[in-house]
């Protein structure tokens, strides 16, 4: 009995996938235990792939309010103590979209209360296989975790993140690493030109202190949510340019139940060897490239040999 016959048997009788190689070999009355183990691994991988046809990549961005504080005077070199805070900063709006979808979603706070925003974002990040944003490691996700702690909303201790700001700093030497600059330099649309600090003031002053008008506040909130959504779209566009030149943070192929030699960006098996190099400790490494999405990645020689024998 050859490999494909064993796999066909396992596909029809999935219960035997839990038996193990030795037990399966005995059931099928064959001596090659390793062949049975291989068949079990490959069919299990097939079944995982059927369950996960594509890894979930989330793009997101937040806009936050400023602290409202007590201060005796203005100027430089002032010390503002935590006890001087009248109202803590919070998340005002969130915007997000899933890779492969055209729709961008957004939500706003409830008169200064961001608990429902935090709950929604935590749910989204928990669902995602990879999270993408600009400066999310040190700001957006860190701020979200802070607000989750304040509200007693349980979040995971770690999320797989691709931070476009961090990648821009690590791999390139741009004049600026701001999202707007990167987008324009790459020939993409720049950031949405909003009303500036007045937009924040019109919302915060009305929602927290009751100063201003409902109409002005609502117009400012609509503008902020639009601005927030445009940032998410822009982040995805910049990500798609940067990722080709940088190392991946999550292996989507493995998430989809495919071998390690597949493309880490989309799981494609349409990949090829670009270059071989040897490390200073004598390990052979292979630089691969995906012919479907252009992603380059490094593969161990062991995994490369599996690619050749697929």
C-alpha atoms as a PDB file:
ATOM      1  CA  UNK A   1       0.000   0.000   0.000  1.00  0.00           C
ATOM      2  CA  UNK A   2       1.483   3.371  -1.022  1.00  0.00           C
ATOM      3  CA  UNK A   3       1.096   6.820   0.548  1.00  0.00           C
ATOM      4  CA  UNK A   4      -1.892   8.018  -1.493  1.00  0.00           C
ATOM      5  CA  UNK A   5      -3.843   4.853  -0.718  1.00  0.00           C
ATOM      6  CA  UNK A   6      -3.301   5.345   3.019  1.00  0.00           C
ATOM      7  CA  UNK A   7      -4.345   8.993   2.737  1.00  0.00           C
ATOM      8  CA  UNK A   8      -7.503   8.022   0.826  1.00  0.00           C
ATOM      9  CA  UNK A   9      -8.341   5.562   3.622  1.00  0.00           C
ATOM     10  CA  UNK A  10      -7.851   8.280   6.263  1.00  0.00           C
ATOM     11  CA  UNK A  11      -9.983  10.784   4.372  1.00  0.00           C
ATOM     12  CA  UNK A  12     -12.872   8.334   4.351  1.00  0.00           C
ATOM     13  CA  UNK A  13     -12.354   7.132   7.924  1.00  0.00           C
ATOM     14  CA  UNK A  14     -11.162  10.235   9.776  1.00  0.00           C
ATOM     15  CA  UNK A  15     -11.474   8.519  13.147  1.00  0.00           C
ATOM     16  CA  UNK A  16      -8.271   6.594  12.433  1.00  0.00           C
ATOM     17  CA  UNK A  17      -6.300   9.876  12.373  1.00  0.00           C
ATOM     18  CA  UNK A  18      -6.174   9.620  16.162  1.00  0.00           C
ATOM     19  CA  UNK A  19      -4.799   6.082  16.211  1.00  0.00           C
ATOM     20  CA  UNK A  20      -1.140   6.902  15.596  1.00  0.00           C
ATOM     21  CA  UNK A  21       1.304   5.395  13.094  1.00  0.00           C
ATOM     22  CA  UNK A  22       1.847   2.033  14.765  1.00  0.00           C
ATOM     23  CA  UNK A  23      -1.837   1.373  15.330  1.00  0.00           C
ATOM     24  CA  UNK A  24      -2.716   2.446  11.767  1.00  0.00           C
ATOM     25  CA  UNK A  25      -0.016   0.189  10.289  1.00  0.00           C
ATOM     26  CA  UNK A  26      -1.427  -2.740  12.262  1.00  0.00           C
ATOM     27  CA  UNK A  27      -4.980  -1.975  11.119  1.00  0.00           C
ATOM     28  CA  UNK A  28      -3.912  -1.750   7.480  1.00  0.00           C
ATOM     29  CA  UNK A  29      -1.590  -4.754   7.860  1.00  0.00           C
ATOM     30  CA  UNK A  30       1.493  -3.008   6.533  1.00  0.00           C
ATOM     31  CA  UNK A  31       5.001  -2.844   8.006  1.00  0.00           C
ATOM     32  CA  UNK A  32       5.948   0.743   7.108  1.00  0.00           C
ATOM     33  CA  UNK A  33       5.032   2.661  10.272  1.00  0.00           C
ATOM     34  CA  UNK A  34       6.771   5.864   9.101  1.00  0.00           C
ATOM     35  CA  UNK A  35       4.661   5.919   5.955  1.00  0.00           C
ATOM     36  CA  UNK A  36       1.536   5.733   8.104  1.00  0.00           C
ATOM     37  CA  UNK A  37       2.787   8.592  10.295  1.00  0.00           C
ATOM     38  CA  UNK A  38       3.467  10.691   7.195  1.00  0.00           C
ATOM     39  CA  UNK A  39      -0.015   9.987   5.837  1.00  0.00           C
ATOM     40  CA  UNK A  40      -1.589  11.019   9.147  1.00  0.00           C
ATOM     41  CA  UNK A  41       0.378  14.296   9.212  1.00  0.00           C
ATOM     42  CA  UNK A  42      -0.516  15.193   5.643  1.00  0.00           C
ATOM     43  CA  UNK A  43      -4.235  14.447   5.972  1.00  0.00           C
ATOM     44  CA  UNK A  44      -4.383  16.388   9.256  1.00  0.00           C
ATOM     45  CA  UNK A  45      -2.788  19.315   7.463  1.00  0.00           C
ATOM     46  CA  UNK A  46      -5.329  19.050   4.653  1.00  0.00           C
ATOM     47  CA  UNK A  47      -8.178  19.148   7.141  1.00  0.00           C
ATOM     48  CA  UNK A  48      -6.729  22.193   8.880  1.00  0.00           C
ATOM     49  CA  UNK A  49      -6.444  23.941   5.539  1.00  0.00           C
ATOM     50  CA  UNK A  50     -10.095  23.251   4.783  1.00  0.00           C
ATOM     51  CA  UNK A  51     -11.029  24.905   8.074  1.00  0.00           C
ATOM     52  CA  UNK A  52      -8.728  27.910   7.547  1.00  0.00           C
ATOM     53  CA  UNK A  53      -8.734  28.927   3.892  1.00  0.00           C
ATOM     54  CA  UNK A  54      -7.105  32.269   4.662  1.00  0.00           C
ATOM     55  CA  UNK A  55      -5.416  33.850   7.653  1.00  0.00           C
ATOM     56  CA  UNK A  56      -7.120  36.975   9.029  1.00  0.00           C
ATOM     57  CA  UNK A  57      -5.142  40.209   8.827  1.00  0.00           C
ATOM     58  CA  UNK A  58      -6.635  43.249  10.567  1.00  0.00           C
ATOM     59  CA  UNK A  59      -5.748  46.883   9.852  1.00  0.00           C
ATOM     60  CA  UNK A  60      -6.747  49.329  12.565  1.00  0.00           C
ATOM     61  CA  UNK A  61      -6.190  52.811  13.971  1.00  0.00           C
ATOM     62  CA  UNK A  62      -7.467  54.831  16.933  1.00  0.00           C
ATOM     63  CA  UNK A  63      -7.900  58.503  17.717  1.00  0.00           C
ATOM     64  CA  UNK A  64      -7.581  59.554  21.349  1.00  0.00           C
ATOM     65  CA  UNK A  65      -8.587  62.551  23.416  1.00  0.00           C
ATOM     66  CA  UNK A  66      -6.226  64.704  25.452  1.00  0.00           C
ATOM     67  CA  UNK A  67      -6.150  64.939  29.249  1.00  0.00           C
ATOM     68  CA  UNK A  68      -8.055  67.851  30.755  1.00  0.00           C
ATOM     69  CA  UNK A  69      -5.863  69.205  33.540  1.00  0.00           C
ATOM     70  CA  UNK A  70      -5.546  71.999  36.125  1.00  0.00           C
ATOM     71  CA  UNK A  71      -2.703  74.418  35.465  1.00  0.00           C
ATOM     72  CA  UNK A  72      -1.828  77.731  37.182  1.00  0.00           C
ATOM     73  CA  UNK A  73       0.001  79.070  34.165  1.00  0.00           C
ATOM     74  CA  UNK A  74       1.241  78.268  30.665  1.00  0.00           C
ATOM     75  CA  UNK A  75       4.749  77.996  29.293  1.00  0.00           C
ATOM     76  CA  UNK A  76       7.648  75.574  29.008  1.00  0.00           C
ATOM     77  CA  UNK A  77       9.118  73.380  31.730  1.00  0.00           C
ATOM     78  CA  UNK A  78       5.876  73.009  33.665  1.00  0.00           C
ATOM     79  CA  UNK A  79       5.217  70.025  35.910  1.00  0.00           C
ATOM     80  CA  UNK A  80       1.711  68.604  35.809  1.00  0.00           C
ATOM     81  CA  UNK A  81       1.085  65.960  38.438  1.00  0.00           C
ATOM     82  CA  UNK A  82      -1.353  63.036  37.974  1.00  0.00           C
ATOM     83  CA  UNK A  83      -3.500  64.647  40.667  1.00  0.00           C
ATOM     84  CA  UNK A  84      -3.990  67.634  38.373  1.00  0.00           C
ATOM     85  CA  UNK A  85      -5.861  65.533  35.814  1.00  0.00           C
ATOM     86  CA  UNK A  86      -9.539  66.474  35.717  1.00  0.00           C
ATOM     87  CA  UNK A  87     -10.485  64.004  32.978  1.00  0.00           C
ATOM     88  CA  UNK A  88      -8.339  61.112  31.721  1.00  0.00           C
ATOM     89  CA  UNK A  89      -7.597  60.784  28.027  1.00  0.00           C
ATOM     90  CA  UNK A  90      -9.570  58.034  26.287  1.00  0.00           C
ATOM     91  CA  UNK A  91     -10.239  56.522  22.877  1.00  0.00           C
ATOM     92  CA  UNK A  92     -12.537  58.764  20.846  1.00  0.00           C
ATOM     93  CA  UNK A  93     -12.865  56.766  17.629  1.00  0.00           C
ATOM     94  CA  UNK A  94     -11.716  53.462  16.219  1.00  0.00           C
ATOM     95  CA  UNK A  95     -11.529  52.379  12.570  1.00  0.00           C
ATOM     96  CA  UNK A  96     -10.660  49.008  11.086  1.00  0.00           C
ATOM     97  CA  UNK A  97     -10.857  46.802   8.020  1.00  0.00           C
ATOM     98  CA  UNK A  98     -10.054  43.188   7.191  1.00  0.00           C
ATOM     99  CA  UNK A  99      -7.641  42.350   4.409  1.00  0.00           C
ATOM    100  CA  UNK A 100      -9.497  41.314   1.269  1.00  0.00           C
ATOM    101  CA  UNK A 101     -12.605  43.313   2.162  1.00  0.00           C
ATOM    102  CA  UNK A 102     -13.555  46.716   0.758  1.00  0.00           C
ATOM    103  CA  UNK A 103     -15.512  47.935   3.780  1.00  0.00           C
ATOM    104  CA  UNK A 104     -13.873  50.086   6.448  1.00  0.00           C
ATOM    105  CA  UNK A 105     -15.711  50.267   9.763  1.00  0.00           C
ATOM    106  CA  UNK A 106     -15.631  52.966  12.443  1.00  0.00           C
ATOM    107  CA  UNK A 107     -17.152  53.698  15.858  1.00  0.00           C
ATOM    108  CA  UNK A 108     -17.070  56.634  18.277  1.00  0.00           C
ATOM    109  CA  UNK A 109     -17.136  57.017  22.053  1.00  0.00           C
ATOM    110  CA  UNK A 110     -20.263  57.690  24.120  1.00  0.00           C
ATOM    111  CA  UNK A 111     -19.876  61.202  25.554  1.00  0.00           C
ATOM    112  CA  UNK A 112     -16.341  60.497  26.747  1.00  0.00           C
ATOM    113  CA  UNK A 113     -16.927  56.852  27.678  1.00  0.00           C
ATOM    114  CA  UNK A 114     -14.801  54.505  25.550  1.00  0.00           C
ATOM    115  CA  UNK A 115     -15.642  51.177  27.194  1.00  0.00           C
ATOM    116  CA  UNK A 116     -17.647  49.834  24.231  1.00  0.00           C
ATOM    117  CA  UNK A 117     -14.828  50.855  21.857  1.00  0.00           C
ATOM    118  CA  UNK A 118     -12.260  49.021  23.963  1.00  0.00           C
ATOM    119  CA  UNK A 119     -14.472  45.921  24.120  1.00  0.00           C
ATOM    120  CA  UNK A 120     -14.933  45.938  20.333  1.00  0.00           C
ATOM    121  CA  UNK A 121     -11.236  46.409  19.597  1.00  0.00           C
ATOM    122  CA  UNK A 122     -10.202  43.656  21.984  1.00  0.00           C
ATOM    123  CA  UNK A 123     -12.663  41.307  20.253  1.00  0.00           C
ATOM    124  CA  UNK A 124     -11.238  42.250  16.848  1.00  0.00           C
ATOM    125  CA  UNK A 125      -7.613  41.784  17.910  1.00  0.00           C
ATOM    126  CA  UNK A 126      -8.464  38.447  19.517  1.00  0.00           C
ATOM    127  CA  UNK A 127     -10.028  37.312  16.242  1.00  0.00           C
ATOM    128  CA  UNK A 128      -7.128  38.438  14.034  1.00  0.00           C
ATOM    129  CA  UNK A 129      -4.138  36.259  13.148  1.00  0.00           C
ATOM    130  CA  UNK A 130      -2.105  39.398  12.477  1.00  0.00           C
ATOM    131  CA  UNK A 131      -2.669  43.062  13.319  1.00  0.00           C
ATOM    132  CA  UNK A 132      -1.267  45.877  11.161  1.00  0.00           C
ATOM    133  CA  UNK A 133      -0.999  49.559  12.035  1.00  0.00           C
ATOM    134  CA  UNK A 134       1.323  52.557  12.131  1.00  0.00           C
ATOM    135  CA  UNK A 135       3.026  52.964  15.527  1.00  0.00           C
ATOM    136  CA  UNK A 136       0.664  50.407  17.062  1.00  0.00           C
ATOM    137  CA  UNK A 137       3.296  48.707  19.229  1.00  0.00           C
ATOM    138  CA  UNK A 138       4.188  51.778  21.274  1.00  0.00           C
ATOM    139  CA  UNK A 139       0.932  53.666  20.976  1.00  0.00           C
ATOM    140  CA  UNK A 140      -2.346  52.214  19.657  1.00  0.00           C
ATOM    141  CA  UNK A 141      -2.151  48.699  21.092  1.00  0.00           C
ATOM    142  CA  UNK A 142      -0.378  49.896  24.248  1.00  0.00           C
ATOM    143  CA  UNK A 143      -3.087  52.526  24.785  1.00  0.00           C
ATOM    144  CA  UNK A 144      -5.806  49.963  24.101  1.00  0.00           C
ATOM    145  CA  UNK A 145      -4.291  47.616  26.698  1.00  0.00           C
ATOM    146  CA  UNK A 146      -4.219  50.497  29.191  1.00  0.00           C
ATOM    147  CA  UNK A 147      -7.881  51.283  28.656  1.00  0.00           C
ATOM    148  CA  UNK A 148      -8.770  47.573  28.779  1.00  0.00           C
ATOM    149  CA  UNK A 149      -7.089  47.342  32.176  1.00  0.00           C
ATOM    150  CA  UNK A 150      -8.935  50.449  33.399  1.00  0.00           C
ATOM    151  CA  UNK A 151     -12.286  49.002  32.332  1.00  0.00           C
ATOM    152  CA  UNK A 152     -11.505  45.471  33.526  1.00  0.00           C
ATOM    153  CA  UNK A 153     -11.805  44.053  29.996  1.00  0.00           C
ATOM    154  CA  UNK A 154      -9.615  40.990  29.537  1.00  0.00           C
ATOM    155  CA  UNK A 155      -7.197  41.157  26.589  1.00  0.00           C
ATOM    156  CA  UNK A 156      -4.507  38.750  25.431  1.00  0.00           C
ATOM    157  CA  UNK A 157      -0.947  39.397  26.677  1.00  0.00           C
ATOM    158  CA  UNK A 158       0.456  39.370  23.134  1.00  0.00           C
ATOM    159  CA  UNK A 159      -0.772  40.038  19.611  1.00  0.00           C
ATOM    160  CA  UNK A 160       1.091  39.310  16.370  1.00  0.00           C
ATOM    161  CA  UNK A 161       1.709  42.808  15.048  1.00  0.00           C
ATOM    162  CA  UNK A 162       3.222  44.287  11.896  1.00  0.00           C
ATOM    163  CA  UNK A 163       4.040  47.890  12.795  1.00  0.00           C
ATOM    164  CA  UNK A 164       4.652  49.910   9.618  1.00  0.00           C
ATOM    165  CA  UNK A 165       6.429  52.653  11.589  1.00  0.00           C
ATOM    166  CA  UNK A 166       8.801  50.138  13.186  1.00  0.00           C
ATOM    167  CA  UNK A 167       9.524  48.510   9.814  1.00  0.00           C
ATOM    168  CA  UNK A 168      10.140  51.892   8.162  1.00  0.00           C
ATOM    169  CA  UNK A 169      12.705  52.768  10.834  1.00  0.00           C
ATOM    170  CA  UNK A 170      14.405  49.365  10.854  1.00  0.00           C
ATOM    171  CA  UNK A 171      14.832  48.706   7.127  1.00  0.00           C
ATOM    172  CA  UNK A 172      15.007  52.108   5.448  1.00  0.00           C
ATOM    173  CA  UNK A 173      16.374  55.631   5.777  1.00  0.00           C
ATOM    174  CA  UNK A 174      13.434  57.878   4.953  1.00  0.00           C
ATOM    175  CA  UNK A 175      13.509  61.629   5.609  1.00  0.00           C
ATOM    176  CA  UNK A 176      10.418  61.051   7.715  1.00  0.00           C
ATOM    177  CA  UNK A 177       8.658  57.944   8.938  1.00  0.00           C
ATOM    178  CA  UNK A 178       5.252  59.586   9.269  1.00  0.00           C
ATOM    179  CA  UNK A 179       2.448  57.732   7.533  1.00  0.00           C
ATOM    180  CA  UNK A 180       1.464  60.727   5.409  1.00  0.00           C
ATOM    181  CA  UNK A 181       5.033  61.238   4.170  1.00  0.00           C
ATOM    182  CA  UNK A 182       5.542  57.545   3.374  1.00  0.00           C
ATOM    183  CA  UNK A 183       2.281  57.355   1.451  1.00  0.00           C
ATOM    184  CA  UNK A 184       3.031  60.426  -0.661  1.00  0.00           C
ATOM    185  CA  UNK A 185       6.618  59.288  -1.309  1.00  0.00           C
ATOM    186  CA  UNK A 186       5.269  55.979  -2.607  1.00  0.00           C
ATOM    187  CA  UNK A 187       2.859  57.777  -4.928  1.00  0.00           C
ATOM    188  CA  UNK A 188      -0.177  57.028  -2.810  1.00  0.00           C
ATOM    189  CA  UNK A 189      -2.820  59.401  -1.473  1.00  0.00           C
ATOM    190  CA  UNK A 190      -1.770  61.427   1.562  1.00  0.00           C
ATOM    191  CA  UNK A 191      -3.632  61.841   4.836  1.00  0.00           C
ATOM    192  CA  UNK A 192      -7.018  63.508   4.937  1.00  0.00           C
ATOM    193  CA  UNK A 193      -6.639  67.208   5.764  1.00  0.00           C
ATOM    194  CA  UNK A 194      -8.889  67.771   8.779  1.00  0.00           C
ATOM    195  CA  UNK A 195      -9.653  70.910  10.794  1.00  0.00           C
ATOM    196  CA  UNK A 196      -6.754  70.308  13.184  1.00  0.00           C
ATOM    197  CA  UNK A 197      -6.982  70.698  16.948  1.00  0.00           C
ATOM    198  CA  UNK A 198     -10.365  72.412  16.597  1.00  0.00           C
ATOM    199  CA  UNK A 199     -11.824  69.037  15.610  1.00  0.00           C
ATOM    200  CA  UNK A 200     -10.705  67.567  18.951  1.00  0.00           C
ATOM    201  CA  UNK A 201     -11.842  70.669  20.865  1.00  0.00           C
ATOM    202  CA  UNK A 202     -15.335  70.676  19.356  1.00  0.00           C
ATOM    203  CA  UNK A 203     -15.880  67.064  20.436  1.00  0.00           C
ATOM    204  CA  UNK A 204     -14.121  67.001  23.805  1.00  0.00           C
ATOM    205  CA  UNK A 205     -15.383  70.353  25.069  1.00  0.00           C
ATOM    206  CA  UNK A 206     -18.993  69.415  24.317  1.00  0.00           C
ATOM    207  CA  UNK A 207     -18.929  65.769  25.421  1.00  0.00           C
ATOM    208  CA  UNK A 208     -16.932  66.317  28.623  1.00  0.00           C
ATOM    209  CA  UNK A 209     -17.638  69.921  29.671  1.00  0.00           C
ATOM    210  CA  UNK A 210     -20.877  70.691  27.830  1.00  0.00           C
ATOM    211  CA  UNK A 211     -19.310  73.669  26.028  1.00  0.00           C
ATOM    212  CA  UNK A 212     -20.291  74.376  22.408  1.00  0.00           C
ATOM    213  CA  UNK A 213     -23.159  73.048  20.298  1.00  0.00           C
ATOM    214  CA  UNK A 214     -24.437  69.580  19.447  1.00  0.00           C
ATOM    215  CA  UNK A 215     -24.371  70.395  15.724  1.00  0.00           C
ATOM    216  CA  UNK A 216     -20.721  71.510  15.750  1.00  0.00           C
ATOM    217  CA  UNK A 217     -19.794  68.503  17.856  1.00  0.00           C
ATOM    218  CA  UNK A 218     -21.560  66.040  15.530  1.00  0.00           C
ATOM    219  CA  UNK A 219     -19.937  67.550  12.442  1.00  0.00           C
ATOM    220  CA  UNK A 220     -16.516  67.305  14.091  1.00  0.00           C
ATOM    221  CA  UNK A 221     -17.139  63.678  15.081  1.00  0.00           C
ATOM    222  CA  UNK A 222     -18.139  62.735  11.549  1.00  0.00           C
ATOM    223  CA  UNK A 223     -14.954  64.380  10.296  1.00  0.00           C
ATOM    224  CA  UNK A 224     -12.828  62.518  12.849  1.00  0.00           C
ATOM    225  CA  UNK A 225     -14.360  59.157  11.973  1.00  0.00           C
ATOM    226  CA  UNK A 226     -13.731  59.835   8.278  1.00  0.00           C
ATOM    227  CA  UNK A 227     -10.140  60.866   9.016  1.00  0.00           C
ATOM    228  CA  UNK A 228      -9.677  57.744  11.144  1.00  0.00           C
ATOM    229  CA  UNK A 229     -10.999  55.499   8.345  1.00  0.00           C
ATOM    230  CA  UNK A 230      -8.761  57.093   5.711  1.00  0.00           C
ATOM    231  CA  UNK A 231      -5.748  56.383   7.937  1.00  0.00           C
ATOM    232  CA  UNK A 232      -6.652  52.696   7.993  1.00  0.00           C
ATOM    233  CA  UNK A 233      -6.912  52.538   4.203  1.00  0.00           C
ATOM    234  CA  UNK A 234      -3.604  54.383   3.883  1.00  0.00           C
ATOM    235  CA  UNK A 235      -1.948  52.020   6.369  1.00  0.00           C
ATOM    236  CA  UNK A 236      -2.958  49.016   4.270  1.00  0.00           C
ATOM    237  CA  UNK A 237      -1.551  50.625   1.127  1.00  0.00           C
ATOM    238  CA  UNK A 238       1.771  51.452   2.808  1.00  0.00           C
ATOM    239  CA  UNK A 239       1.912  47.973   4.356  1.00  0.00           C
ATOM    240  CA  UNK A 240       1.570  46.329   0.945  1.00  0.00           C
ATOM    241  CA  UNK A 241       4.597  48.293  -0.260  1.00  0.00           C
ATOM    242  CA  UNK A 242       6.761  47.781   2.822  1.00  0.00           C
ATOM    243  CA  UNK A 243       6.109  44.077   3.419  1.00  0.00           C
ATOM    244  CA  UNK A 244       7.821  43.012   0.188  1.00  0.00           C
ATOM    245  CA  UNK A 245      11.130  44.472   1.436  1.00  0.00           C
ATOM    246  CA  UNK A 246      10.916  43.415   5.083  1.00  0.00           C
ATOM    247  CA  UNK A 247      10.670  40.241   7.147  1.00  0.00           C
ATOM    248  CA  UNK A 248       7.239  38.894   7.961  1.00  0.00           C
ATOM    249  CA  UNK A 249       5.855  38.810  11.496  1.00  0.00           C
ATOM    250  CA  UNK A 250       3.354  35.972  11.065  1.00  0.00           C
ATOM    251  CA  UNK A 251       3.484  32.899   8.821  1.00  0.00           C
ATOM    252  CA  UNK A 252       0.074  32.819   7.169  1.00  0.00           C
ATOM    253  CA  UNK A 253       0.904  29.609   5.310  1.00  0.00           C
ATOM    254  CA  UNK A 254       1.390  27.690   8.561  1.00  0.00           C
ATOM    255  CA  UNK A 255      -1.799  29.229  10.002  1.00  0.00           C
ATOM    256  CA  UNK A 256      -3.613  27.812   6.982  1.00  0.00           C
ATOM    257  CA  UNK A 257      -2.190  24.342   7.702  1.00  0.00           C
ATOM    258  CA  UNK A 258       0.420  24.443   4.947  1.00  0.00           C
ATOM    259  CA  UNK A 259       4.160  23.587   5.119  1.00  0.00           C
ATOM    260  CA  UNK A 260       6.726  26.118   6.333  1.00  0.00           C
ATOM    261  CA  UNK A 261       8.190  26.484   2.844  1.00  0.00           C
ATOM    262  CA  UNK A 262       5.006  28.175   1.593  1.00  0.00           C
ATOM    263  CA  UNK A 263       4.764  31.959   1.353  1.00  0.00           C
ATOM    264  CA  UNK A 264       4.352  33.497   4.827  1.00  0.00           C
ATOM    265  CA  UNK A 265       2.223  36.298   3.401  1.00  0.00           C
ATOM    266  CA  UNK A 266      -0.473  34.377   1.531  1.00  0.00           C
ATOM    267  CA  UNK A 267       0.336  30.667   1.888  1.00  0.00           C
ATOM    268  CA  UNK A 268       1.078  30.204  -1.814  1.00  0.00           C
ATOM    269  CA  UNK A 269       3.188  27.232  -2.926  1.00  0.00           C
ATOM    270  CA  UNK A 270       4.148  29.067  -6.117  1.00  0.00           C
ATOM    271  CA  UNK A 271       7.547  30.070  -4.728  1.00  0.00           C
ATOM    272  CA  UNK A 272      11.111  29.887  -6.006  1.00  0.00           C
ATOM    273  CA  UNK A 273      14.698  30.046  -4.777  1.00  0.00           C
ATOM    274  CA  UNK A 274      16.333  33.454  -5.243  1.00  0.00           C
ATOM    275  CA  UNK A 275      19.626  33.054  -3.405  1.00  0.00           C
ATOM    276  CA  UNK A 276      21.553  30.735  -1.088  1.00  0.00           C
ATOM    277  CA  UNK A 277      23.845  31.996   1.652  1.00  0.00           C
ATOM    278  CA  UNK A 278      25.744  30.514   4.573  1.00  0.00           C
ATOM    279  CA  UNK A 279      25.706  32.046   8.049  1.00  0.00           C
ATOM    280  CA  UNK A 280      28.864  32.679  10.083  1.00  0.00           C
ATOM    281  CA  UNK A 281      28.057  29.555  12.111  1.00  0.00           C
ATOM    282  CA  UNK A 282      27.854  27.418   8.972  1.00  0.00           C
ATOM    283  CA  UNK A 283      24.091  27.065   8.503  1.00  0.00           C
ATOM    284  CA  UNK A 284      22.736  27.096   4.951  1.00  0.00           C
ATOM    285  CA  UNK A 285      19.896  29.549   4.412  1.00  0.00           C
ATOM    286  CA  UNK A 286      17.679  29.979   1.375  1.00  0.00           C
ATOM    287  CA  UNK A 287      16.076  33.242   0.288  1.00  0.00           C
ATOM    288  CA  UNK A 288      12.747  32.456  -1.355  1.00  0.00           C
ATOM    289  CA  UNK A 289      10.287  34.623  -3.264  1.00  0.00           C
ATOM    290  CA  UNK A 290       6.584  34.169  -3.832  1.00  0.00           C
ATOM    291  CA  UNK A 291       5.617  34.447  -7.499  1.00  0.00           C
ATOM    292  CA  UNK A 292       2.062  35.401  -6.558  1.00  0.00           C
ATOM    293  CA  UNK A 293       2.526  38.295  -4.099  1.00  0.00           C
ATOM    294  CA  UNK A 294       6.258  39.092  -4.416  1.00  0.00           C
ATOM    295  CA  UNK A 295       7.052  38.382  -0.750  1.00  0.00           C
ATOM    296  CA  UNK A 296      10.674  37.409  -0.003  1.00  0.00           C
ATOM    297  CA  UNK A 297      11.508  35.268   3.012  1.00  0.00           C
ATOM    298  CA  UNK A 298      14.260  33.155   4.529  1.00  0.00           C
ATOM    299  CA  UNK A 299      13.992  29.382   4.698  1.00  0.00           C
ATOM    300  CA  UNK A 300      16.144  26.846   6.501  1.00  0.00           C
ATOM    301  CA  UNK A 301      17.882  24.278   4.316  1.00  0.00           C
ATOM    302  CA  UNK A 302      15.801  21.519   5.936  1.00  0.00           C
ATOM    303  CA  UNK A 303      12.557  23.195   4.872  1.00  0.00           C
ATOM    304  CA  UNK A 304      13.997  23.929   1.429  1.00  0.00           C
ATOM    305  CA  UNK A 305      14.675  20.224   0.890  1.00  0.00           C
ATOM    306  CA  UNK A 306      11.048  19.537   1.802  1.00  0.00           C
ATOM    307  CA  UNK A 307      10.054  22.098  -0.834  1.00  0.00           C
ATOM    308  CA  UNK A 308      12.128  20.245  -3.446  1.00  0.00           C
ATOM    309  CA  UNK A 309      10.519  16.922  -2.493  1.00  0.00           C
ATOM    310  CA  UNK A 310       6.920  18.151  -2.333  1.00  0.00           C
END
